[in-house]
Amino acid sequence: MTYGDSFAKPSLLKRESSQFDRGDISFIILAGAMAFFMIPGLAFLYSGLSRRKSALSLIMVVCASNTVCIIQWYLWGYSLAFSPTATNGFIGNFANFGLKNVLGGPSPGSPLIPDLLYSFYQMEFACVTIGILVGAIAERGRLLPVMVFTFLWMTLVYCPLACWAWNVNGWGYKWGVLDFAGGGPVELGSGFGGLAYGWVLGRRKEKELVNFRPHNVAMVNLGTFILWFGWLGFNGGCAYGANLRAIMAIWNSMLSPAFAGIVWCLLDYRSERKYSMVGFCSGSIAGLVATTAAAGYLQPWASVIMGIVSGVVCNYGTKVKSILGIDDAFDIFAAHAVGGIIGLLFNGIFASHSVIALDGVNLNVAGGWVDHNWKQLYIQFDYICAASGYTFMVTAMIAKAIDMIPGLQLRTTPEGESVGLDEVEIGEYANDYIEVRRHFYDLSAFSENKSNSTASDLFVSGDKNRSSNVRKSVHRLRLEDSAPETLHEKNIDAVIELQPTSECQ
């Protein structure tokens, strides 16, 4: 074939310009990039919610799981979830292994965008899902085993869930399940998956749970609003084009979290008499989670109701971990599993055909009860039960199987848990610092033996020369206390004089 002949036939160098709208393609590329930005949002959120001594490990586990997910999705994840040639209704096949034959044809999800773009966009959904789930390791889980878990979980849990809801041959899709942006695969998958992983991992030591509080609420707020920004692309892009349905989904993704955040904050104020920033952020995320399943189906007034309901129910859902005795440190179950259930059930009642048809493609899809489609609610309910039960059981089995492999124990040692995962797993720190107790006579970081109490005396006495030497040897002293005074420094050279208090004299 000559150079001129290569332009005479359809190839990568020539496309059918009329097949896809460039505006739709550009919109989904941007939406996928916004969804990817949710990964650092999750990392900052989890890091801020944790203790300082494990803050960096949570950033690391979210970012590392993202890379493992990308590799899995490229190899066979997309094929197992969306291969159109598989007809079993449960999981795809390997027809599109390594993105084989995934190029310029209409995508399985919508004729508005090409298959290659659809595969990228759906990959970001998978990355966000596993990023949510791995927060279950909080302050006690090892990094390597959870990377192995990520690859297996994506293959055995996420891909089937995505196939059920979105593959043209999936049983849920054929049955008429309404799941806009992942109430089942994303929210139930991460929520029940995180609960199962935390159950197998076990509770943190009781002394680590006493007076537990986030070490950086500002980072919690930053992570939440990065997530909110990314969620606009996450939900809006599921209209698969720059159309009115996308705008409706974005509107609902603003209304529901706004009301949910306020409601959660007011519920916390009712008991604590404080306006909790963490509470507001938790409520906003719960509202966003509910919109994941429902943003492209509801009228705005229904989204307001959903936000209020999700704020209340998810707030009380935080009690479930205490009832079950499972250490769900970041309330992944309460926010994502409970929020996902609310969104899916709202589709059964409030989904509107007039909203669904705004994309100009789904013109014959019935809504829920508001459209007199009475069977939709029990379809949604059955789908919730199937996705929740399957996720919890298979996740627990995968985690337990990995934990039994020598060298892949899920949990760090008791000493590692006390010191912090940043020290034993990463060797680096989100914040390099020295922390001392407010009551200097209780300073016990050097040793539990009284023989080392002279170190405390050095600080109290204000001996500059001797205390400087001790200070260098304990540069990374970290102690948790109910009211710590913290000094944040990097390679401290200046002498810090600590004056004795009346209690020390």
Protein backbone atom coordinates (compact mmCIF):
# COMPACT_ATOMS: atom_id res chain seq x y z
CA MET A 1 0.00 0.00 0.00
CA THR A 2 1.36 3.39 -0.96
CA TYR A 3 1.19 6.54 1.13
CA GLY A 4 -1.64 7.84 -1.03
CA ASP A 5 -3.59 4.59 -0.69
CA SER A 6 -3.62 4.97 3.11
CA PHE A 7 -5.91 7.93 2.72
CA ALA A 8 -8.23 6.15 0.32
CA LYS A 9 -9.64 3.82 2.97
CA PRO A 10 -11.00 4.42 6.50
CA SER A 11 -8.15 4.35 9.01
CA LEU A 12 -6.84 6.04 12.13
CA LEU A 13 -5.83 8.95 9.90
CA LYS A 14 -9.34 9.54 8.65
CA ARG A 15 -12.63 9.64 10.54
CA GLU A 16 -16.24 10.06 9.71
CA SER A 17 -16.76 13.64 10.78
CA SER A 18 -20.52 13.29 10.96
CA GLN A 19 -20.57 10.35 13.38
CA PHE A 20 -19.93 12.18 16.67
CA ASP A 21 -20.44 15.75 17.74
CA ARG A 22 -17.17 17.40 18.75
CA GLY A 23 -18.92 19.29 21.51
CA ASP A 24 -20.15 16.03 23.06
CA ILE A 25 -16.67 14.52 22.84
CA SER A 26 -15.04 17.59 24.40
CA PHE A 27 -17.60 17.64 27.20
CA ILE A 28 -16.97 14.00 28.17
CA ILE A 29 -13.20 14.46 28.04
CA LEU A 30 -13.59 17.35 30.48
CA ALA A 31 -16.03 15.39 32.65
CA GLY A 32 -13.58 12.49 32.82
CA ALA A 33 -10.78 14.83 33.85
CA MET A 34 -13.01 16.26 36.59
CA ALA A 35 -13.80 12.75 37.79
CA PHE A 36 -10.07 11.99 37.93
CA PHE A 37 -9.60 15.07 40.13
CA MET A 38 -11.76 13.34 42.73
CA ILE A 39 -8.79 11.05 43.52
CA PRO A 40 -6.71 13.76 45.27
CA GLY A 41 -9.95 14.98 46.84
CA LEU A 42 -10.46 11.58 48.45
CA ALA A 43 -6.80 11.47 49.49
CA PHE A 44 -6.98 14.86 51.22
CA LEU A 45 -10.32 14.01 52.84
CA TYR A 46 -9.07 10.76 54.35
CA SER A 47 -5.75 12.27 55.36
CA GLY A 48 -7.44 15.14 57.19
CA LEU A 49 -9.83 12.79 58.97
CA SER A 50 -7.02 10.58 60.28
CA ARG A 51 -4.51 11.05 63.04
CA ARG A 52 -1.36 12.91 62.10
CA LYS A 53 0.82 9.82 62.42
CA SER A 54 -1.02 8.02 59.59
CA ALA A 55 -1.98 10.99 57.41
CA LEU A 56 0.42 10.36 54.55
CA SER A 57 -0.31 6.62 54.39
CA LEU A 58 -3.92 7.37 53.47
CA ILE A 59 -2.87 9.72 50.68
CA MET A 60 -0.53 6.99 49.48
CA VAL A 61 -3.09 4.17 49.52
CA VAL A 62 -5.66 6.18 47.53
CA CYS A 63 -3.09 7.18 44.90
CA ALA A 64 -1.55 3.71 44.67
CA SER A 65 -4.93 2.00 44.31
CA ASN A 66 -5.68 4.42 41.48
CA THR A 67 -2.67 3.20 39.50
CA VAL A 68 -3.49 -0.47 40.10
CA CYS A 69 -7.05 0.17 38.95
CA ILE A 70 -5.85 1.83 35.72
CA ILE A 71 -3.71 -1.22 34.90
CA GLN A 72 -6.54 -3.65 35.65
CA TRP A 73 -9.03 -1.63 33.61
CA TYR A 74 -6.68 -1.54 30.62
CA LEU A 75 -5.95 -5.27 30.74
CA TRP A 76 -9.41 -6.75 31.18
CA GLY A 77 -11.52 -4.55 33.45
CA TYR A 78 -13.29 -2.72 30.64
CA SER A 79 -13.85 -5.94 28.73
CA LEU A 80 -15.28 -7.79 31.74
CA ALA A 81 -17.66 -4.92 32.46
CA PHE A 82 -18.80 -3.79 29.00
CA SER A 83 -17.94 -6.40 26.36
CA PRO A 84 -21.11 -6.51 24.22
CA THR A 85 -20.49 -10.06 23.03
CA ALA A 86 -20.97 -11.64 26.47
CA THR A 87 -24.56 -12.76 26.98
CA ASN A 88 -24.55 -14.41 30.42
CA GLY A 89 -25.88 -11.25 32.10
CA PHE A 90 -23.41 -11.50 34.99
CA ILE A 91 -19.96 -10.55 33.66
CA GLY A 92 -18.32 -9.78 30.32
CA ASN A 93 -15.63 -11.74 28.49
CA PHE A 94 -12.13 -11.07 27.18
CA ALA A 95 -13.15 -9.95 23.71
CA ASN A 96 -11.78 -6.45 24.40
CA PHE A 97 -8.68 -7.54 26.33
CA GLY A 98 -6.12 -4.72 26.33
CA LEU A 99 -8.68 -2.42 24.69
CA LYS A 100 -8.69 -4.62 21.59
CA ASN A 101 -11.22 -3.35 19.03
CA VAL A 102 -12.06 -0.40 21.29
CA LEU A 103 -11.77 2.58 19.01
CA GLY A 104 -14.20 4.71 17.03
CA GLY A 105 -17.45 2.76 17.07
CA PRO A 106 -20.47 3.90 19.09
CA SER A 107 -19.97 3.12 22.77
CA PRO A 108 -21.99 0.51 24.68
CA GLY A 109 -23.34 3.26 26.91
CA SER A 110 -24.43 5.83 24.36
CA PRO A 111 -24.32 6.38 20.59
CA LEU A 112 -23.25 9.98 21.26
CA ILE A 113 -19.60 9.18 22.03
CA PRO A 114 -16.98 6.72 20.71
CA ASP A 115 -16.08 3.50 22.47
CA LEU A 116 -12.53 4.62 23.26
CA LEU A 117 -13.72 7.73 25.10
CA TYR A 118 -16.37 5.75 26.95
CA SER A 119 -13.72 3.30 28.20
CA PHE A 120 -11.66 6.19 29.61
CA TYR A 121 -14.65 7.81 31.28
CA GLN A 122 -15.79 4.56 32.88
CA MET A 123 -12.25 3.92 34.10
CA GLU A 124 -12.48 7.03 36.27
CA PHE A 125 -15.62 5.61 37.89
CA ALA A 126 -13.69 2.47 38.78
CA CYS A 127 -10.76 4.49 40.16
CA VAL A 128 -13.01 6.59 42.38
CA THR A 129 -14.80 3.49 43.66
CA ILE A 130 -11.66 1.71 44.83
CA GLY A 131 -10.32 5.00 46.18
CA ILE A 132 -13.36 5.26 48.45
CA LEU A 133 -13.08 1.65 49.58
CA VAL A 134 -9.39 1.63 50.56
CA GLY A 135 -10.09 4.22 53.25
CA ALA A 136 -11.19 1.19 55.28
CA ILE A 137 -7.54 0.46 56.14
CA ALA A 138 -7.44 3.59 58.30
CA GLU A 139 -4.46 3.61 60.68
CA ARG A 140 -3.96 -0.16 60.80
CA GLY A 141 -3.88 -1.67 57.30
CA ARG A 142 -0.75 -2.51 55.31
CA LEU A 143 -0.18 -1.07 51.86
CA LEU A 144 1.00 -4.09 49.82
CA PRO A 145 -1.90 -6.43 50.66
CA VAL A 146 -4.48 -3.79 49.79
CA MET A 147 -2.87 -3.36 46.35
CA VAL A 148 -3.31 -7.09 45.71
CA PHE A 149 -6.84 -6.78 47.04
CA THR A 150 -7.52 -3.88 44.67
CA PHE A 151 -6.68 -5.90 41.57
CA LEU A 152 -8.77 -8.88 42.64
CA TRP A 153 -11.69 -6.79 43.90
CA MET A 154 -11.91 -4.84 40.67
CA THR A 155 -12.05 -8.11 38.73
CA LEU A 156 -14.41 -10.11 40.92
CA VAL A 157 -16.69 -7.41 42.37
CA TYR A 158 -16.66 -4.12 40.48
CA CYS A 159 -16.71 -5.55 36.96
CA PRO A 160 -19.75 -7.76 37.64
CA LEU A 161 -21.61 -4.88 39.33
CA ALA A 162 -20.91 -2.60 36.36
CA CYS A 163 -22.00 -5.32 33.96
CA TRP A 164 -25.30 -5.84 35.78
CA ALA A 165 -26.30 -2.19 35.62
CA TRP A 166 -24.78 -0.83 32.40
CA ASN A 167 -23.85 -3.62 29.99
CA VAL A 168 -26.50 -4.01 27.29
CA ASN A 169 -26.69 -7.71 28.21
CA GLY A 170 -26.54 -7.25 31.98
CA TRP A 171 -29.46 -8.67 33.93
CA GLY A 172 -30.10 -5.37 35.71
CA TYR A 173 -30.00 -3.38 32.49
CA LYS A 174 -32.44 -5.75 30.78
CA TRP A 175 -34.76 -5.76 33.78
CA GLY A 176 -34.99 -1.97 33.73
CA VAL A 177 -32.87 -0.95 36.76
CA LEU A 178 -32.42 2.82 36.92
CA ASP A 179 -28.86 3.63 37.99
CA PHE A 180 -27.54 6.84 36.48
CA ALA A 181 -23.90 7.20 37.56
CA GLY A 182 -23.22 4.21 39.80
CA GLY A 183 -25.48 3.88 42.83
CA GLY A 184 -24.76 0.16 42.65
CA PRO A 185 -21.23 -0.28 41.26
CA VAL A 186 -19.74 2.84 42.85
CA GLU A 187 -21.65 3.53 46.06
CA LEU A 188 -22.92 0.11 47.16
CA GLY A 189 -19.66 -1.40 45.95
CA SER A 190 -17.46 0.94 47.97
CA GLY A 191 -19.82 1.17 50.96
CA PHE A 192 -20.43 -2.52 51.55
CA GLY A 193 -16.95 -3.39 50.31
CA GLY A 194 -15.38 -1.02 52.83
CA LEU A 195 -17.55 -2.45 55.60
CA ALA A 196 -16.48 -6.00 54.75
CA TYR A 197 -12.80 -5.08 54.53
CA GLY A 198 -12.96 -3.29 57.88
CA TRP A 199 -14.68 -6.33 59.40
CA VAL A 200 -11.92 -8.70 58.25
CA LEU A 201 -9.21 -6.19 59.21
CA GLY A 202 -10.52 -5.82 62.76
CA ARG A 203 -10.89 -2.88 65.09
CA ARG A 204 -8.11 -0.52 66.04
CA LYS A 205 -6.73 -0.81 69.55
CA GLU A 206 -9.14 0.67 72.04
CA LYS A 207 -6.69 3.32 73.21
CA GLU A 208 -6.48 4.56 69.62
CA LEU A 209 -10.25 5.12 69.63
CA VAL A 210 -10.31 7.21 72.82
CA ASN A 211 -10.96 10.85 72.01
CA PHE A 212 -10.28 10.25 68.31
CA ARG A 213 -10.59 13.34 66.17
CA PRO A 214 -9.38 14.53 62.75
CA HIS A 215 -5.92 16.05 62.76
CA ASN A 216 -6.61 18.63 60.01
CA VAL A 217 -10.19 19.80 59.47
CA ALA A 218 -9.06 22.34 56.87
CA MET A 219 -7.82 19.45 54.72
CA VAL A 220 -11.17 17.69 55.25
CA ASN A 221 -12.92 20.76 53.88
CA LEU A 222 -10.51 21.03 50.95
CA GLY A 223 -10.99 17.38 50.05
CA THR A 224 -14.78 17.68 50.27
CA PHE A 225 -15.00 20.60 47.87
CA ILE A 226 -12.55 19.01 45.43
CA LEU A 227 -14.86 15.99 45.48
CA TRP A 228 -17.91 18.21 44.96
CA PHE A 229 -16.25 19.86 41.97
CA GLY A 230 -15.30 16.51 40.48
CA TRP A 231 -18.76 15.11 41.14
CA LEU A 232 -20.25 17.65 38.75
CA GLY A 233 -18.30 15.98 35.95
CA PHE A 234 -18.88 12.53 37.41
CA ASN A 235 -22.67 12.95 37.30
CA GLY A 236 -23.03 15.46 34.48
CA GLY A 237 -20.97 13.38 32.10
CA CYS A 238 -23.31 10.40 32.45
CA ALA A 239 -25.67 12.12 30.02
CA TYR A 240 -22.84 11.35 27.53
CA GLY A 241 -23.25 14.62 25.73
CA ALA A 242 -23.53 18.38 26.15
CA ASN A 243 -27.30 18.37 26.53
CA LEU A 244 -30.07 19.41 28.90
CA ARG A 245 -29.98 16.15 30.82
CA ALA A 246 -26.36 16.83 31.72
CA ILE A 247 -27.32 20.27 33.02
CA MET A 248 -30.18 18.78 35.03
CA ALA A 249 -27.79 16.25 36.57
CA ILE A 250 -25.40 19.05 37.50
CA TRP A 251 -28.20 21.07 39.08
CA ASN A 252 -29.27 18.08 41.15
CA SER A 253 -25.64 17.58 42.14
CA MET A 254 -25.69 21.07 43.63
CA LEU A 255 -29.06 20.99 45.36
CA SER A 256 -28.95 17.64 47.14
CA PRO A 257 -25.55 18.05 48.86
CA ALA A 258 -26.37 21.62 49.85
CA PHE A 259 -29.49 20.55 51.75
CA ALA A 260 -27.85 17.39 53.10
CA GLY A 261 -24.88 19.33 54.47
CA ILE A 262 -27.10 21.79 56.30
CA VAL A 263 -29.32 19.06 57.73
CA TRP A 264 -26.36 17.00 58.99
CA CYS A 265 -24.78 20.06 60.57
CA LEU A 266 -28.03 20.96 62.35
CA LEU A 267 -28.43 17.42 63.65
CA ASP A 268 -24.92 17.57 65.11
CA TYR A 269 -25.63 21.01 66.59
CA ARG A 270 -28.70 19.59 68.30
CA SER A 271 -26.52 17.26 70.36
CA GLU A 272 -23.20 19.11 70.58
CA ARG A 273 -24.25 22.78 70.40
CA LYS A 274 -21.41 23.31 67.92
CA TYR A 275 -21.45 23.92 64.18
CA SER A 276 -19.25 21.07 63.04
CA MET A 277 -17.29 21.55 59.82
CA VAL A 278 -16.69 17.81 59.65
CA GLY A 279 -20.43 17.29 60.04
CA PHE A 280 -21.18 19.73 57.23
CA CYS A 281 -18.68 18.01 54.95
CA SER A 282 -20.04 14.57 55.83
CA GLY A 283 -23.58 15.66 55.03
CA SER A 284 -22.54 17.23 51.73
CA ILE A 285 -20.83 14.00 50.69
CA ALA A 286 -23.91 11.99 51.68
CA GLY A 287 -26.04 14.21 49.44
CA LEU A 288 -23.59 13.81 46.57
CA VAL A 289 -23.61 10.04 47.00
CA ALA A 290 -27.40 9.96 46.70
CA THR A 291 -27.22 11.96 43.46
CA THR A 292 -24.84 9.41 41.96
CA ALA A 293 -27.73 7.05 41.33
CA ALA A 294 -30.41 9.66 40.71
CA ALA A 295 -29.01 12.92 39.28
CA GLY A 296 -30.15 12.24 35.74
CA TYR A 297 -33.63 11.02 36.67
CA LEU A 298 -35.10 13.52 39.13
CA GLN A 299 -36.73 16.91 38.92
CA PRO A 300 -34.97 19.52 41.09
CA TRP A 301 -37.74 19.54 43.71
CA ALA A 302 -37.29 15.79 44.20
CA SER A 303 -33.54 16.31 44.57
CA VAL A 304 -34.19 18.74 47.43
CA ILE A 305 -36.23 16.10 49.23
CA MET A 306 -33.53 13.53 48.59
CA GLY A 307 -30.89 15.84 50.07
CA ILE A 308 -32.88 16.32 53.27
CA VAL A 309 -33.59 12.59 53.59
CA SER A 310 -29.99 11.58 52.92
CA GLY A 311 -28.70 14.11 55.46
CA VAL A 312 -30.94 12.66 58.18
CA VAL A 313 -30.69 8.95 57.36
CA CYS A 314 -26.94 8.92 56.70
CA ASN A 315 -26.32 10.84 59.92
CA TYR A 316 -28.11 8.17 61.92
CA GLY A 317 -26.49 5.53 59.74
CA THR A 318 -23.20 6.28 61.49
CA LYS A 319 -24.62 4.34 64.46
CA VAL A 320 -24.59 1.08 62.48
CA LYS A 321 -20.84 0.54 62.92
CA SER A 322 -21.27 0.62 66.70
CA ILE A 323 -24.14 -1.85 66.54
CA LEU A 324 -22.14 -4.23 64.34
CA GLY A 325 -18.87 -3.66 66.20
CA ILE A 326 -17.01 -2.86 62.97
CA ASP A 327 -14.39 -0.11 62.99
CA ASP A 328 -15.54 2.01 60.03
CA ALA A 329 -13.21 4.92 60.77
CA PHE A 330 -14.44 7.28 58.06
CA ASP A 331 -18.11 6.22 57.99
CA ILE A 332 -17.77 4.82 54.48
CA PHE A 333 -20.82 2.62 55.02
CA ALA A 334 -23.00 5.43 56.37
CA ALA A 335 -22.13 7.86 53.59
CA HIS A 336 -21.78 5.60 50.56
CA ALA A 337 -23.81 2.46 51.19
CA VAL A 338 -26.73 4.20 52.90
CA GLY A 339 -26.57 7.18 50.54
CA GLY A 340 -26.47 4.88 47.52
CA ILE A 341 -29.53 2.99 48.76
CA ILE A 342 -31.43 6.26 49.19
CA GLY A 343 -30.59 7.39 45.65
CA LEU A 344 -31.63 4.09 44.08
CA LEU A 345 -34.91 3.99 46.00
CA PHE A 346 -35.68 7.58 45.03
CA ASN A 347 -35.38 6.51 41.41
CA GLY A 348 -38.17 4.02 41.99
CA ILE A 349 -40.47 6.77 43.22
CA PHE A 350 -39.38 10.09 41.70
CA ALA A 351 -37.65 9.19 38.41
CA SER A 352 -39.28 11.24 35.65
CA HIS A 353 -39.53 10.30 31.98
CA SER A 354 -39.41 13.98 31.05
CA VAL A 355 -35.94 14.32 32.63
CA ILE A 356 -34.63 11.07 31.15
CA ALA A 357 -35.64 12.13 27.63
CA LEU A 358 -33.70 15.40 27.84
CA ASP A 359 -30.64 13.71 26.32
CA GLY A 360 -32.54 13.07 23.08
CA VAL A 361 -31.60 9.37 23.17
CA ASN A 362 -33.56 7.62 25.93
CA LEU A 363 -37.01 8.59 24.70
CA ASN A 364 -38.82 5.38 25.67
CA VAL A 365 -37.53 4.84 29.22
CA ALA A 366 -40.25 4.91 31.88
CA GLY A 367 -39.74 6.69 35.20
CA GLY A 368 -40.91 5.67 38.67
CA TRP A 369 -44.08 6.19 40.63
CA VAL A 370 -44.46 9.78 39.46
CA ASP A 371 -44.96 8.29 35.97
CA HIS A 372 -47.29 5.58 37.35
CA ASN A 373 -44.64 2.91 36.83
CA TRP A 374 -45.42 1.10 40.07
CA LYS A 375 -43.13 -1.90 39.54
CA GLN A 376 -40.00 0.25 39.39
CA LEU A 377 -39.61 0.45 43.16
CA TYR A 378 -39.37 -3.29 43.72
CA ILE A 379 -36.97 -3.57 40.76
CA GLN A 380 -34.75 -1.04 42.49
CA PHE A 381 -35.11 -2.82 45.84
CA ASP A 382 -34.15 -6.21 44.42
CA TYR A 383 -31.15 -4.68 42.68
CA ILE A 384 -30.03 -3.12 45.97
CA CYS A 385 -30.27 -6.44 47.79
CA ALA A 386 -28.38 -8.32 45.08
CA ALA A 387 -25.58 -5.75 44.77
CA SER A 388 -25.20 -5.29 48.54
CA GLY A 389 -25.18 -8.98 49.42
CA TYR A 390 -22.83 -9.96 46.60
CA THR A 391 -20.40 -7.14 47.39
CA PHE A 392 -20.17 -7.84 51.10
CA MET A 393 -19.74 -11.59 50.80
CA VAL A 394 -17.22 -11.63 47.95
CA THR A 395 -15.22 -8.73 49.41
CA ALA A 396 -14.95 -10.49 52.76
CA MET A 397 -13.81 -13.71 51.07
CA ILE A 398 -11.16 -11.91 48.98
CA ALA A 399 -9.83 -10.02 52.02
CA LYS A 400 -9.74 -13.14 54.19
CA ALA A 401 -8.00 -15.17 51.49
CA ILE A 402 -5.27 -12.53 51.06
CA ASP A 403 -4.84 -12.25 54.82
CA MET A 404 -4.05 -15.98 55.01
CA ILE A 405 -1.15 -15.70 52.53
CA PRO A 406 2.26 -15.45 54.28
CA GLY A 407 3.66 -11.96 53.87
CA LEU A 408 0.31 -10.48 52.86
CA GLN A 409 -1.32 -10.08 56.25
CA LEU A 410 -3.75 -7.18 55.97
CA ARG A 411 -2.94 -5.61 59.31
CA THR A 412 0.23 -4.01 60.62
CA THR A 413 1.77 -5.02 63.96
CA PRO A 414 0.50 -3.57 67.25
CA GLU A 415 3.76 -1.63 67.51
CA GLY A 416 3.29 -0.27 64.00
CA GLU A 417 -0.23 0.82 64.84
CA SER A 418 1.02 2.70 67.89
CA VAL A 419 3.89 4.38 66.04
CA GLY A 420 1.80 5.17 62.96
CA LEU A 421 1.65 3.86 59.41
CA ASP A 422 3.65 6.82 58.11
CA GLU A 423 6.63 5.59 60.12
CA VAL A 424 6.39 1.84 59.45
CA GLU A 425 4.94 1.78 55.92
CA ILE A 426 6.02 4.98 54.16
CA GLY A 427 9.04 6.37 56.00
CA GLU A 428 7.87 9.89 55.17
CA TYR A 429 5.38 12.21 56.81
CA ALA A 430 2.59 14.53 55.78
CA ASN A 431 3.83 16.90 58.50
CA ASP A 432 7.28 16.65 60.06
CA TYR A 433 6.86 17.82 63.62
CA ILE A 434 7.56 17.54 67.31
CA GLU A 435 4.67 17.10 69.66
CA VAL A 436 4.80 17.36 73.44
CA ARG A 437 2.20 17.08 76.13
CA ARG A 438 0.69 20.16 77.67
CA HIS A 439 1.57 18.83 81.15
CA PHE A 440 5.32 18.38 80.97
CA TYR A 441 5.47 16.19 84.04
CA ASP A 442 3.51 13.60 82.04
CA LEU A 443 6.04 13.56 79.18
CA SER A 444 6.67 9.87 78.61
CA ALA A 445 7.71 9.51 74.98
CA PHE A 446 11.30 8.56 75.71
CA SER A 447 10.44 5.44 77.66
CA GLU A 448 7.79 3.98 79.90
CA ASN A 449 10.45 3.55 82.58
CA LYS A 450 11.06 6.20 85.19
CA SER A 451 14.77 5.99 84.48
CA ASN A 452 14.26 8.19 81.46
CA SER A 453 12.30 10.83 83.34
CA THR A 454 15.41 13.03 83.36
CA ALA A 455 14.63 13.89 79.79
CA SER A 456 11.46 15.56 80.99
CA ASP A 457 13.43 17.42 83.61
CA LEU A 458 15.71 18.81 80.92
CA PHE A 459 12.77 20.39 79.15
CA VAL A 460 11.26 21.74 82.34
CA SER A 461 14.49 23.18 83.67
CA GLY A 462 15.18 25.12 80.53
CA ASP A 463 18.80 23.86 80.27
CA LYS A 464 19.56 25.03 76.76
CA ASN A 465 22.66 22.97 76.04
CA ARG A 466 21.52 19.64 77.45
CA SER A 467 17.93 19.92 76.26
CA SER A 468 19.12 20.75 72.74
CA ASN A 469 20.95 17.42 72.52
CA VAL A 470 17.94 15.50 73.77
CA ARG A 471 15.70 17.39 71.39
CA LYS A 472 17.78 16.35 68.40
CA SER A 473 17.54 12.69 69.38
CA VAL A 474 13.75 12.84 69.60
CA HIS A 475 13.15 15.02 66.56
CA ARG A 476 10.13 13.06 65.48
CA LEU A 477 8.51 12.70 68.88
CA ARG A 478 4.81 12.04 68.40
CA LEU A 479 2.34 11.68 71.25
CA GLU A 480 -1.46 11.69 71.18
CA ASP A 481 -3.18 13.53 74.00
CA SER A 482 -6.58 15.03 74.68
CA ALA A 483 -5.18 18.55 74.47
CA PRO A 484 -1.80 18.54 72.73
CA GLU A 485 0.22 21.62 71.99
CA THR A 486 2.02 20.97 68.74
CA LEU A 487 5.14 22.50 67.32
CA HIS A 488 5.49 21.99 63.56
CA GLU A 489 9.08 22.26 62.40
CA LYS A 490 11.43 20.74 59.84
CA ASN A 491 15.04 20.15 60.92
CA ILE A 492 14.81 22.48 63.92
CA ASP A 493 18.00 24.41 64.61
CA ALA A 494 16.68 27.08 66.97
CA VAL A 495 16.55 26.43 70.71
CA ILE A 496 13.02 26.21 72.08
CA GLU A 497 12.71 27.27 75.71
CA LEU A 498 9.90 25.60 77.62
CA GLN A 499 9.06 27.41 80.79
CA PRO A 500 8.01 25.39 83.86
CA THR A 501 4.37 25.64 84.90
CA SER A 502 2.99 25.75 88.39
CA GLU A 503 1.96 22.12 88.04
CA CYS A 504 5.55 21.11 87.34
CA GLN A 505 7.04 22.88 90.31
